[in-house]
Amino acid sequence: MSVKAYILIQTEVGRAADVAARIREISGVTQAEDVTGPYDVIVRTEASSMDELGDLVVTQVQAVDGITRTLTCPVVNL
């Protein structure tokens, strides 16, 4: 069973579209949209485990230039 999550991202001013485009290229990212509101980009991801998800967020997503903060929200199936 895969682990799905949303990553809510704040970026430097004017960088949302560029950040979303770069994140779309990362393996495991299924969707990345630049949005308005308290967050600038919302990303949907899928990984095989929580460890893989953590690795994806820390080593790949957070490494994208222009990101100032992330909040990862794993999807739960109640």
N, C-alpha and C. Protein backbone atom coordinates (compact mmCIF):
# COMPACT_ATOMS: atom_id res chain seq x y z
N MET A 1 0.85 -1.19 0.00
CA MET A 1 0.00 0.00 0.00
C MET A 1 0.89 1.25 0.00
N SER A 2 0.59 2.19 -0.84
CA SER A 2 1.40 3.39 -0.95
C SER A 2 0.97 4.45 0.06
N VAL A 3 1.89 5.36 0.35
CA VAL A 3 1.64 6.48 1.22
C VAL A 3 1.46 7.71 0.34
N LYS A 4 0.34 8.38 0.49
CA LYS A 4 0.06 9.59 -0.27
C LYS A 4 0.09 10.77 0.68
N ALA A 5 0.49 11.92 0.19
CA ALA A 5 0.55 13.11 1.03
C ALA A 5 0.41 14.36 0.18
N TYR A 6 -0.03 15.42 0.83
CA TYR A 6 -0.01 16.75 0.25
C TYR A 6 1.13 17.51 0.93
N ILE A 7 1.87 18.27 0.15
CA ILE A 7 2.91 19.13 0.71
C ILE A 7 2.50 20.57 0.41
N LEU A 8 2.31 21.35 1.45
CA LEU A 8 1.94 22.75 1.32
C LEU A 8 3.23 23.56 1.41
N ILE A 9 3.44 24.42 0.42
CA ILE A 9 4.73 25.09 0.29
C ILE A 9 4.56 26.60 0.24
N GLN A 10 5.42 27.28 1.01
CA GLN A 10 5.55 28.73 0.90
C GLN A 10 6.84 29.01 0.15
N THR A 11 6.78 29.99 -0.74
CA THR A 11 7.95 30.32 -1.56
C THR A 11 8.33 31.79 -1.38
N GLU A 12 9.50 32.12 -1.90
CA GLU A 12 9.88 33.52 -1.98
C GLU A 12 8.89 34.22 -2.91
N VAL A 13 8.69 35.51 -2.72
CA VAL A 13 7.75 36.28 -3.52
C VAL A 13 8.07 36.14 -5.00
N GLY A 14 7.05 35.83 -5.79
CA GLY A 14 7.20 35.73 -7.23
C GLY A 14 7.80 34.43 -7.74
N ARG A 15 8.03 33.45 -6.88
CA ARG A 15 8.71 32.21 -7.28
C ARG A 15 7.77 31.01 -7.40
N ALA A 16 6.47 31.16 -7.11
CA ALA A 16 5.56 30.01 -7.04
C ALA A 16 5.51 29.21 -8.34
N ALA A 17 5.36 29.85 -9.47
CA ALA A 17 5.24 29.13 -10.73
C ALA A 17 6.52 28.37 -11.05
N ASP A 18 7.67 28.98 -10.80
CA ASP A 18 8.95 28.33 -11.05
C ASP A 18 9.15 27.13 -10.12
N VAL A 19 8.82 27.31 -8.85
CA VAL A 19 8.94 26.21 -7.88
C VAL A 19 8.03 25.05 -8.27
N ALA A 20 6.78 25.33 -8.61
CA ALA A 20 5.84 24.28 -9.01
C ALA A 20 6.36 23.52 -10.24
N ALA A 21 6.88 24.25 -11.21
CA ALA A 21 7.40 23.60 -12.43
C ALA A 21 8.57 22.68 -12.11
N ARG A 22 9.47 23.11 -11.25
CA ARG A 22 10.62 22.28 -10.89
C ARG A 22 10.20 21.05 -10.08
N ILE A 23 9.22 21.23 -9.21
CA ILE A 23 8.76 20.11 -8.39
C ILE A 23 8.05 19.06 -9.24
N ARG A 24 7.35 19.47 -10.28
CA ARG A 24 6.66 18.51 -11.15
C ARG A 24 7.61 17.49 -11.75
N GLU A 25 8.89 17.84 -11.85
CA GLU A 25 9.89 16.96 -12.46
C GLU A 25 10.41 15.89 -11.49
N ILE A 26 10.05 15.98 -10.21
CA ILE A 26 10.56 15.05 -9.20
C ILE A 26 9.76 13.75 -9.22
N SER A 27 10.46 12.63 -9.25
CA SER A 27 9.81 11.32 -9.21
C SER A 27 9.06 11.16 -7.89
N GLY A 28 7.81 10.71 -7.96
CA GLY A 28 6.97 10.57 -6.78
C GLY A 28 5.96 11.69 -6.64
N VAL A 29 6.18 12.78 -7.37
CA VAL A 29 5.21 13.88 -7.37
C VAL A 29 4.17 13.59 -8.44
N THR A 30 2.91 13.56 -8.05
CA THR A 30 1.84 13.29 -9.00
C THR A 30 1.16 14.56 -9.49
N GLN A 31 1.30 15.65 -8.71
CA GLN A 31 0.69 16.92 -9.10
C GLN A 31 1.35 18.05 -8.32
N ALA A 32 1.54 19.18 -8.94
CA ALA A 32 2.06 20.38 -8.28
C ALA A 32 1.37 21.60 -8.91
N GLU A 33 0.69 22.35 -8.09
CA GLU A 33 -0.07 23.50 -8.58
C GLU A 33 0.33 24.75 -7.81
N ASP A 34 0.51 25.87 -8.50
CA ASP A 34 0.69 27.13 -7.79
C ASP A 34 -0.70 27.68 -7.49
N VAL A 35 -0.90 28.14 -6.25
CA VAL A 35 -2.21 28.55 -5.76
C VAL A 35 -2.09 29.90 -5.04
N THR A 36 -3.24 30.46 -4.66
CA THR A 36 -3.24 31.67 -3.85
C THR A 36 -3.64 31.32 -2.43
N GLY A 37 -3.36 32.21 -1.51
CA GLY A 37 -3.69 31.96 -0.11
C GLY A 37 -2.43 31.90 0.73
N PRO A 38 -2.51 31.27 1.92
CA PRO A 38 -1.35 31.24 2.80
C PRO A 38 -0.20 30.39 2.27
N TYR A 39 -0.49 29.49 1.35
CA TYR A 39 0.55 28.69 0.70
C TYR A 39 0.61 29.06 -0.77
N ASP A 40 1.77 28.87 -1.37
CA ASP A 40 1.98 29.27 -2.76
C ASP A 40 1.93 28.11 -3.74
N VAL A 41 2.27 26.91 -3.26
CA VAL A 41 2.27 25.70 -4.10
C VAL A 41 1.71 24.56 -3.26
N ILE A 42 0.84 23.76 -3.86
CA ILE A 42 0.35 22.53 -3.22
C ILE A 42 0.75 21.36 -4.10
N VAL A 43 1.40 20.38 -3.46
CA VAL A 43 1.95 19.22 -4.17
C VAL A 43 1.28 17.96 -3.67
N ARG A 44 0.97 17.05 -4.58
CA ARG A 44 0.47 15.71 -4.20
C ARG A 44 1.58 14.73 -4.52
N THR A 45 1.87 13.86 -3.56
CA THR A 45 2.94 12.89 -3.73
C THR A 45 2.45 11.48 -3.43
N GLU A 46 3.22 10.51 -3.89
CA GLU A 46 2.95 9.11 -3.60
C GLU A 46 4.29 8.41 -3.41
N ALA A 47 4.41 7.65 -2.32
CA ALA A 47 5.64 6.93 -2.00
C ALA A 47 5.28 5.54 -1.48
N SER A 48 6.26 4.65 -1.45
CA SER A 48 6.00 3.28 -1.02
C SER A 48 5.98 3.14 0.50
N SER A 49 6.55 4.12 1.23
CA SER A 49 6.58 4.06 2.69
C SER A 49 6.72 5.47 3.26
N MET A 50 6.53 5.59 4.57
CA MET A 50 6.72 6.89 5.23
C MET A 50 8.19 7.32 5.14
N ASP A 51 9.10 6.35 5.23
CA ASP A 51 10.52 6.69 5.10
C ASP A 51 10.83 7.24 3.72
N GLU A 52 10.27 6.62 2.68
CA GLU A 52 10.48 7.11 1.32
C GLU A 52 9.86 8.49 1.15
N LEU A 53 8.69 8.70 1.75
CA LEU A 53 8.05 10.02 1.69
C LEU A 53 8.93 11.06 2.36
N GLY A 54 9.44 10.75 3.54
CA GLY A 54 10.32 11.67 4.25
C GLY A 54 11.56 12.00 3.43
N ASP A 55 12.14 10.99 2.80
CA ASP A 55 13.32 11.21 1.96
C ASP A 55 12.97 12.11 0.78
N LEU A 56 11.82 11.88 0.17
CA LEU A 56 11.36 12.70 -0.96
C LEU A 56 11.25 14.16 -0.55
N VAL A 57 10.63 14.40 0.60
CA VAL A 57 10.42 15.77 1.06
C VAL A 57 11.74 16.44 1.42
N VAL A 58 12.55 15.77 2.22
CA VAL A 58 13.76 16.40 2.75
C VAL A 58 14.87 16.54 1.71
N THR A 59 15.11 15.51 0.92
CA THR A 59 16.25 15.56 0.01
C THR A 59 15.93 16.11 -1.37
N GLN A 60 14.65 16.08 -1.77
CA GLN A 60 14.34 16.54 -3.12
C GLN A 60 13.47 17.79 -3.14
N VAL A 61 12.31 17.75 -2.48
CA VAL A 61 11.40 18.90 -2.53
C VAL A 61 12.03 20.10 -1.84
N GLN A 62 12.51 19.93 -0.61
CA GLN A 62 13.06 21.07 0.13
C GLN A 62 14.35 21.59 -0.49
N ALA A 63 14.95 20.84 -1.38
CA ALA A 63 16.17 21.29 -2.05
C ALA A 63 15.89 22.25 -3.22
N VAL A 64 14.63 22.38 -3.61
CA VAL A 64 14.27 23.27 -4.72
C VAL A 64 14.48 24.72 -4.28
N ASP A 65 15.23 25.45 -5.06
CA ASP A 65 15.52 26.85 -4.77
C ASP A 65 14.24 27.68 -4.79
N GLY A 66 14.08 28.54 -3.81
CA GLY A 66 12.92 29.43 -3.76
C GLY A 66 11.90 29.04 -2.71
N ILE A 67 12.05 27.85 -2.11
CA ILE A 67 11.12 27.40 -1.07
C ILE A 67 11.57 27.96 0.28
N THR A 68 10.62 28.51 1.04
CA THR A 68 10.95 29.03 2.36
C THR A 68 10.41 28.14 3.48
N ARG A 69 9.32 27.38 3.23
CA ARG A 69 8.74 26.53 4.27
C ARG A 69 7.86 25.47 3.63
N THR A 70 7.84 24.27 4.24
CA THR A 70 6.94 23.22 3.78
C THR A 70 6.17 22.65 4.96
N LEU A 71 4.99 22.12 4.67
CA LEU A 71 4.17 21.41 5.64
C LEU A 71 3.66 20.16 4.94
N THR A 72 4.02 18.99 5.45
CA THR A 72 3.63 17.73 4.81
C THR A 72 2.42 17.15 5.54
N CYS A 73 1.37 16.81 4.77
CA CYS A 73 0.13 16.29 5.32
C CYS A 73 -0.16 14.93 4.71
N PRO A 74 0.20 13.83 5.41
CA PRO A 74 -0.10 12.50 4.89
C PRO A 74 -1.61 12.26 4.81
N VAL A 75 -2.03 11.56 3.78
CA VAL A 75 -3.44 11.23 3.59
C VAL A 75 -3.76 10.00 4.45
N VAL A 76 -4.87 10.06 5.18
CA VAL A 76 -5.31 8.91 5.98
C VAL A 76 -6.60 8.36 5.39
N ASN A 77 -6.77 7.08 5.51
CA ASN A 77 -7.99 6.43 5.02
C ASN A 77 -8.78 5.94 6.24
N LEU A 78 -9.77 6.71 6.63
CA LEU A 78 -10.56 6.38 7.83
C LEU A 78 -11.70 5.45 7.50
